[in-house]
Each structure stands twice: as structure tokens, then as C-alpha cells.
């Protein structure tokens, strides 16, 4: 039961949705405008070790809605 992040292409709202079953992705709608034209956002991960906390990407990309870092100026 993953929690998946989405971006609404109509109203630009970002939200998370708990997917309870197979095929649940087909029924996801934006909670703001009820639009179904959504992009799935990919989450990053972080880990903690002896040297402290580290993220898988730089802190300047935490609100990015792009699918990849290609062409990113940050």
C-alpha cells in the first residue's frame, strides 16, 4: 500500500494518495479540482549514517515536479 505523490496539470496542486489495491491509480483525482490529468511525482530517499543525514538529491530540488534532473539549472 504505497503513498504516491501527484501533480495536477490543471490547477498545479501537489498531493499524496494512499493506493489500497491494484488498479487504484486509475481512480485518483485531484482533491482541489477533481481533474484526472495528473503526473506521478517521484520521491527521493534519505539515509542516516555516522556522518549525519544525507538526501539522495540536493536540497534545492525538494519541490521540483520534473521527472528527471536533465537540464536542471540548480
N, C-alpha and C. Protein backbone atom coordinates (compact mmCIF):
# COMPACT_ATOMS: atom_id res chain seq x y z
N UNK A 1 0.84 -1.18 0.00
CA UNK A 1 0.00 0.00 0.00
C UNK A 1 0.89 1.25 0.00
N UNK A 2 1.38 1.63 -1.16
CA UNK A 2 2.26 2.80 -1.22
C UNK A 2 1.50 4.12 -1.16
N UNK A 3 2.18 5.13 -0.67
CA UNK A 3 1.69 6.50 -0.75
C UNK A 3 2.41 7.13 -1.93
N UNK A 4 1.65 7.62 -2.89
CA UNK A 4 2.22 8.16 -4.11
C UNK A 4 1.91 9.65 -4.21
N UNK A 5 2.91 10.42 -4.64
CA UNK A 5 2.74 11.86 -4.82
C UNK A 5 2.30 12.15 -6.25
N UNK A 6 1.40 13.13 -6.39
CA UNK A 6 0.88 13.51 -7.69
C UNK A 6 0.93 15.02 -7.87
N UNK A 7 0.95 15.44 -9.14
CA UNK A 7 0.89 16.85 -9.53
C UNK A 7 -0.27 16.99 -10.51
N UNK A 8 -1.18 17.93 -10.24
CA UNK A 8 -2.31 18.16 -11.12
C UNK A 8 -1.91 19.12 -12.23
N UNK A 9 -2.06 18.70 -13.48
CA UNK A 9 -1.70 19.54 -14.62
C UNK A 9 -2.68 20.68 -14.84
N UNK A 10 -3.86 20.64 -14.23
CA UNK A 10 -4.85 21.69 -14.41
C UNK A 10 -4.67 22.82 -13.39
N UNK A 11 -4.62 22.49 -12.10
CA UNK A 11 -4.55 23.54 -11.07
C UNK A 11 -3.20 23.61 -10.37
N UNK A 12 -2.23 22.78 -10.76
CA UNK A 12 -0.87 22.76 -10.23
C UNK A 12 -0.78 22.36 -8.74
N UNK A 13 -1.80 21.70 -8.24
CA UNK A 13 -1.81 21.24 -6.85
C UNK A 13 -0.99 19.97 -6.72
N UNK A 14 -0.15 19.89 -5.68
CA UNK A 14 0.60 18.67 -5.37
C UNK A 14 -0.07 18.00 -4.18
N UNK A 15 -0.22 16.68 -4.26
CA UNK A 15 -0.87 15.95 -3.19
C UNK A 15 -0.38 14.51 -3.15
N UNK A 16 -0.67 13.84 -2.05
CA UNK A 16 -0.32 12.44 -1.88
C UNK A 16 -1.59 11.61 -1.80
N UNK A 17 -1.50 10.39 -2.28
CA UNK A 17 -2.65 9.49 -2.28
C UNK A 17 -2.21 8.10 -1.83
N UNK A 18 -2.94 7.51 -0.92
CA UNK A 18 -2.68 6.13 -0.49
C UNK A 18 -3.39 5.20 -1.48
N UNK A 19 -2.63 4.32 -2.11
CA UNK A 19 -3.20 3.38 -3.08
C UNK A 19 -3.41 2.05 -2.38
N UNK A 20 -4.67 1.66 -2.23
CA UNK A 20 -5.01 0.49 -1.44
C UNK A 20 -5.05 -0.82 -2.23
N UNK A 21 -5.22 -0.77 -3.54
CA UNK A 21 -5.34 -2.01 -4.30
C UNK A 21 -4.79 -1.82 -5.71
N UNK A 22 -4.58 -2.93 -6.41
CA UNK A 22 -4.15 -2.87 -7.81
C UNK A 22 -5.21 -2.15 -8.62
N UNK A 23 -4.79 -1.30 -9.52
CA UNK A 23 -5.73 -0.54 -10.32
C UNK A 23 -6.21 0.73 -9.64
N UNK A 24 -5.79 0.96 -8.41
CA UNK A 24 -6.19 2.15 -7.66
C UNK A 24 -5.68 3.44 -8.28
N UNK A 25 -4.62 3.35 -9.05
CA UNK A 25 -4.08 4.54 -9.72
C UNK A 25 -5.07 5.12 -10.73
N UNK A 26 -5.91 4.27 -11.29
CA UNK A 26 -6.87 4.71 -12.31
C UNK A 26 -7.98 5.59 -11.75
N UNK A 27 -8.21 5.52 -10.44
CA UNK A 27 -9.31 6.27 -9.85
C UNK A 27 -8.87 7.54 -9.12
N UNK A 28 -7.58 7.88 -9.19
CA UNK A 28 -7.07 9.05 -8.47
C UNK A 28 -7.51 10.34 -9.16
N UNK A 29 -8.01 11.28 -8.37
CA UNK A 29 -8.42 12.60 -8.86
C UNK A 29 -7.81 13.66 -7.95
N UNK A 30 -7.56 14.82 -8.50
CA UNK A 30 -7.06 15.94 -7.72
C UNK A 30 -8.10 16.32 -6.66
N UNK A 31 -7.70 16.45 -5.40
CA UNK A 31 -8.67 16.82 -4.36
C UNK A 31 -9.15 18.27 -4.47
N UNK A 32 -8.42 19.11 -5.20
CA UNK A 32 -8.79 20.52 -5.36
C UNK A 32 -9.80 20.74 -6.48
N UNK A 33 -9.51 20.16 -7.67
CA UNK A 33 -10.35 20.45 -8.84
C UNK A 33 -10.99 19.21 -9.46
N UNK A 34 -10.71 18.04 -8.89
CA UNK A 34 -11.27 16.75 -9.35
C UNK A 34 -10.78 16.33 -10.73
N UNK A 35 -9.72 16.94 -11.21
CA UNK A 35 -9.14 16.62 -12.51
C UNK A 35 -8.42 15.27 -12.45
N UNK A 36 -8.38 14.55 -13.55
CA UNK A 36 -7.67 13.27 -13.62
C UNK A 36 -6.39 13.36 -14.46
N UNK A 37 -6.07 14.55 -14.99
CA UNK A 37 -4.84 14.75 -15.76
C UNK A 37 -3.71 15.03 -14.76
N UNK A 38 -3.10 13.94 -14.27
CA UNK A 38 -2.12 14.02 -13.19
C UNK A 38 -0.78 13.48 -13.63
N UNK A 39 0.27 13.98 -13.01
CA UNK A 39 1.60 13.43 -13.19
C UNK A 39 2.02 12.79 -11.88
N UNK A 40 2.63 11.65 -11.98
CA UNK A 40 3.14 10.98 -10.78
C UNK A 40 4.51 11.57 -10.46
N UNK A 41 4.70 12.02 -9.24
CA UNK A 41 5.97 12.59 -8.81
C UNK A 41 6.78 11.50 -8.11
N UNK A 42 8.07 11.54 -8.33
CA UNK A 42 8.93 10.54 -7.73
C UNK A 42 9.57 11.09 -6.47
N UNK A 43 9.46 10.34 -5.41
CA UNK A 43 10.02 10.75 -4.13
C UNK A 43 11.50 10.43 -4.09
N UNK A 44 12.18 11.18 -3.27
CA UNK A 44 13.59 10.89 -3.02
C UNK A 44 13.68 10.14 -1.70
N UNK A 45 14.82 9.63 -1.42
CA UNK A 45 15.01 8.95 -0.15
C UNK A 45 16.19 9.58 0.56
N UNK A 46 16.27 9.35 1.82
CA UNK A 46 17.37 9.86 2.63
C UNK A 46 17.83 8.76 3.56
N UNK A 47 19.04 8.91 4.04
CA UNK A 47 19.55 7.92 4.98
C UNK A 47 20.39 8.62 6.03
N UNK A 48 20.56 7.95 7.14
CA UNK A 48 21.36 8.49 8.23
C UNK A 48 22.50 7.53 8.50
N UNK A 49 23.67 8.07 8.64
CA UNK A 49 24.84 7.26 8.92
C UNK A 49 25.69 7.94 9.98
N UNK A 50 26.91 7.47 10.13
CA UNK A 50 27.81 8.05 11.12
C UNK A 50 28.13 9.51 10.86
N UNK A 51 28.09 9.92 9.61
CA UNK A 51 28.44 11.30 9.29
C UNK A 51 27.22 12.22 9.26
N UNK A 52 26.05 11.73 9.65
CA UNK A 52 24.87 12.58 9.70
C UNK A 52 23.85 12.22 8.64
N UNK A 53 22.93 13.14 8.40
CA UNK A 53 21.81 12.95 7.49
C UNK A 53 22.21 13.33 6.07
N UNK A 54 21.75 12.57 5.10
CA UNK A 54 22.03 12.88 3.70
C UNK A 54 20.82 12.55 2.85
N UNK A 55 20.55 13.41 1.88
CA UNK A 55 19.44 13.19 0.96
C UNK A 55 19.98 12.65 -0.34
N UNK A 56 19.12 12.02 -1.12
CA UNK A 56 19.56 11.46 -2.41
C UNK A 56 19.75 12.55 -3.46
N UNK A 57 19.21 13.76 -3.22
CA UNK A 57 19.40 14.88 -4.12
C UNK A 57 19.68 16.12 -3.31
N UNK A 58 20.08 17.19 -3.98
CA UNK A 58 20.35 18.44 -3.29
C UNK A 58 19.08 19.06 -2.73
N UNK A 59 19.23 19.88 -1.71
CA UNK A 59 18.08 20.48 -1.05
C UNK A 59 17.32 21.44 -1.96
N UNK A 60 17.94 21.95 -3.01
CA UNK A 60 17.27 22.88 -3.89
C UNK A 60 16.25 22.20 -4.79
N UNK A 61 16.19 20.89 -4.80
CA UNK A 61 15.28 20.16 -5.68
C UNK A 61 14.08 19.57 -4.95
N UNK A 62 13.87 19.87 -3.71
CA UNK A 62 12.83 19.20 -2.95
C UNK A 62 11.43 19.48 -3.46
N UNK A 63 11.17 20.63 -4.09
CA UNK A 63 9.84 20.95 -4.59
C UNK A 63 9.73 20.82 -6.11
N UNK A 64 10.70 20.20 -6.73
CA UNK A 64 10.72 20.07 -8.18
C UNK A 64 9.67 19.05 -8.63
N UNK A 65 8.96 19.37 -9.71
CA UNK A 65 7.96 18.45 -10.23
C UNK A 65 8.42 17.76 -11.51
N UNK A 66 9.68 17.92 -11.87
CA UNK A 66 10.22 17.30 -13.07
C UNK A 66 10.43 15.81 -12.86
N UNK A 67 10.42 15.05 -13.94
CA UNK A 67 10.65 13.61 -13.87
C UNK A 67 12.13 13.25 -13.83
N UNK A 68 12.99 14.19 -14.25
CA UNK A 68 14.42 13.94 -14.21
C UNK A 68 15.16 15.25 -13.98
N UNK A 69 16.46 15.17 -13.73
CA UNK A 69 17.26 16.36 -13.48
C UNK A 69 17.91 16.88 -14.76
N UNK A 70 17.60 16.30 -15.91
CA UNK A 70 18.15 16.72 -17.18
C UNK A 70 17.78 18.18 -17.45
N UNK A 71 18.77 19.01 -17.68
CA UNK A 71 18.52 20.42 -17.99
C UNK A 71 18.26 21.27 -16.78
N UNK A 72 18.36 20.73 -15.58
CA UNK A 72 18.10 21.50 -14.35
C UNK A 72 19.25 22.48 -14.14
N UNK A 73 18.91 23.69 -13.72
CA UNK A 73 19.95 24.71 -13.51
C UNK A 73 20.34 24.83 -12.04
N UNK A 74 19.75 24.01 -11.19
CA UNK A 74 20.06 24.11 -9.74
C UNK A 74 21.25 23.28 -9.37
